[in-house]
Amino acid sequence: VSLHCPSTDETKGLINSNSLTKMKKSSYLINTARGDVVVENDLVQALESGLIKGAGLDVFEGEPNVNPKLLNFKNVFLLPHLGSATEETREAMGLLAVQNLISHFNNEKYPSRVV
């Protein structure tokens, strides 16, 4: 199960004990979305009980802190929120910020409005 959703009232806690019990025992949970989409204590319990096979997390519920129990699993892969860390993506992000500034000073609609 790979998560790619924003953090909203509807998605907070989307992955919890209830949803984890519906996954196959051979499943891996991959979260590159937002940390609060996964209830980490429920994930820890699922991993401890063998309910799922493993997890890969690029984001964490209590960022920047990582649930210390997640550090003890050999079947859990933790990354420091590097999902967008390619050279091409970072360059595009910088150019988009410049375009937003230009649009602002020209009284034009922003190409990408961040709220």
Protein backbone atom coordinates (compact mmCIF):
# COMPACT_ATOMS: atom_id res chain seq x y z
CA VAL A 1 0.00 0.00 0.00
CA SER A 2 1.60 3.23 -1.14
CA LEU A 3 0.25 6.52 0.22
CA HIS A 4 0.32 9.72 -1.86
CA CYS A 5 -2.35 11.97 -0.35
CA PRO A 6 -2.44 15.34 1.39
CA SER A 7 -3.02 15.77 5.08
CA THR A 8 -6.69 16.70 5.49
CA ASP A 9 -9.37 16.07 8.07
CA GLU A 10 -10.44 13.08 5.95
CA THR A 11 -6.96 11.54 5.62
CA LYS A 12 -5.56 12.06 9.14
CA GLY A 13 -5.30 8.61 10.72
CA LEU A 14 -6.38 6.95 7.47
CA ILE A 15 -4.01 4.08 8.19
CA ASN A 16 -4.87 2.79 11.65
CA SER A 17 -5.47 -0.53 13.40
CA ASN A 18 -8.70 -1.05 11.46
CA SER A 19 -7.20 -0.48 8.01
CA LEU A 20 -4.03 -2.41 8.87
CA THR A 21 -6.07 -5.52 9.75
CA LYS A 22 -7.48 -5.47 6.20
CA MET A 23 -4.03 -5.71 4.62
CA LYS A 24 -2.44 -9.02 3.62
CA LYS A 25 0.30 -10.39 5.87
CA SER A 26 2.68 -10.01 2.91
CA SER A 27 1.91 -6.28 2.60
CA TYR A 28 4.29 -3.39 2.96
CA LEU A 29 3.07 0.08 3.89
CA ILE A 30 4.86 2.91 2.05
CA ASN A 31 4.17 6.46 3.20
CA THR A 32 5.63 9.32 1.17
CA ALA A 33 2.53 11.47 1.75
CA ARG A 34 2.22 13.10 5.17
CA GLY A 35 3.11 11.71 8.57
CA ASP A 36 -0.27 12.14 10.22
CA VAL A 37 -1.95 9.91 7.63
CA VAL A 38 -0.57 6.91 9.59
CA VAL A 39 -1.22 6.24 13.27
CA GLU A 40 2.32 5.11 14.08
CA ASN A 41 1.47 3.30 17.32
CA ASP A 42 -1.02 1.17 15.36
CA LEU A 43 1.65 0.54 12.73
CA VAL A 44 4.11 -0.54 15.43
CA GLN A 45 1.56 -3.00 16.83
CA ALA A 46 0.87 -4.38 13.34
CA LEU A 47 4.60 -4.90 12.78
CA GLU A 48 5.17 -6.47 16.20
CA SER A 49 2.32 -8.92 15.70
CA GLY A 50 3.31 -9.79 12.12
CA LEU A 51 0.05 -8.39 10.78
CA ILE A 52 1.99 -6.84 7.86
CA LYS A 53 5.42 -7.65 6.40
CA GLY A 54 7.08 -4.23 6.72
CA ALA A 55 7.02 -0.50 6.07
CA GLY A 56 8.89 2.28 4.29
CA LEU A 57 8.41 5.75 5.71
CA ASP A 58 9.62 9.05 4.26
CA VAL A 59 7.45 11.06 6.67
CA PHE A 60 6.56 10.65 10.32
CA GLU A 61 3.55 11.35 12.50
CA GLY A 62 5.53 13.44 14.99
CA GLU A 63 8.00 15.04 12.56
CA PRO A 64 10.77 15.82 13.01
CA ASN A 65 10.75 13.14 15.71
CA VAL A 66 10.60 9.47 14.79
CA ASN A 67 8.72 6.97 16.94
CA PRO A 68 11.65 5.21 18.65
CA LYS A 69 9.95 1.81 18.35
CA LEU A 70 10.19 2.08 14.55
CA LEU A 71 13.99 2.16 14.81
CA ASN A 72 14.11 -1.42 16.12
CA PHE A 73 12.59 -3.20 13.11
CA LYS A 74 14.77 -4.76 10.42
CA ASN A 75 11.76 -4.71 8.05
CA VAL A 76 11.14 -0.94 8.36
CA PHE A 77 12.99 1.53 6.15
CA LEU A 78 13.13 5.15 7.32
CA LEU A 79 14.14 8.11 5.17
CA PRO A 80 14.52 11.78 6.17
CA HIS A 81 11.67 13.16 3.99
CA LEU A 82 13.63 12.97 0.76
CA GLY A 83 10.73 12.25 -1.59
CA SER A 84 11.37 15.41 -3.62
CA ALA A 85 15.15 15.51 -3.35
CA THR A 86 16.08 15.00 -7.00
CA GLU A 87 18.04 17.73 -8.74
CA GLU A 88 15.30 18.13 -11.35
CA THR A 89 12.53 18.47 -8.76
CA ARG A 90 14.43 20.99 -6.64
CA GLU A 91 15.26 23.06 -9.72
CA ALA A 92 11.60 23.02 -10.81
CA MET A 93 10.54 24.06 -7.29
CA GLY A 94 12.92 27.03 -7.37
CA LEU A 95 11.77 28.11 -10.82
CA LEU A 96 8.14 27.87 -9.73
CA ALA A 97 8.87 30.11 -6.73
CA VAL A 98 10.44 32.67 -9.09
CA GLN A 99 7.41 32.46 -11.39
CA ASN A 100 5.12 33.08 -8.41
CA LEU A 101 7.14 36.19 -7.49
CA ILE A 102 7.04 37.51 -11.04
CA SER A 103 3.28 36.89 -11.19
CA HIS A 104 2.78 38.65 -7.86
CA PHE A 105 4.60 41.81 -8.95
CA ASN A 106 2.78 41.79 -12.32
CA ASN A 107 -0.63 41.39 -10.60
CA GLU A 108 -1.15 38.09 -12.42
CA LYS A 109 -2.60 34.80 -11.23
CA TYR A 110 0.05 32.65 -9.52
CA PRO A 111 1.03 29.47 -11.41
CA SER A 112 1.05 27.61 -8.10
CA ARG A 113 -0.58 29.12 -5.04
CA VAL A 114 0.55 27.63 -1.73
CA VAL A 115 -1.92 27.97 1.12
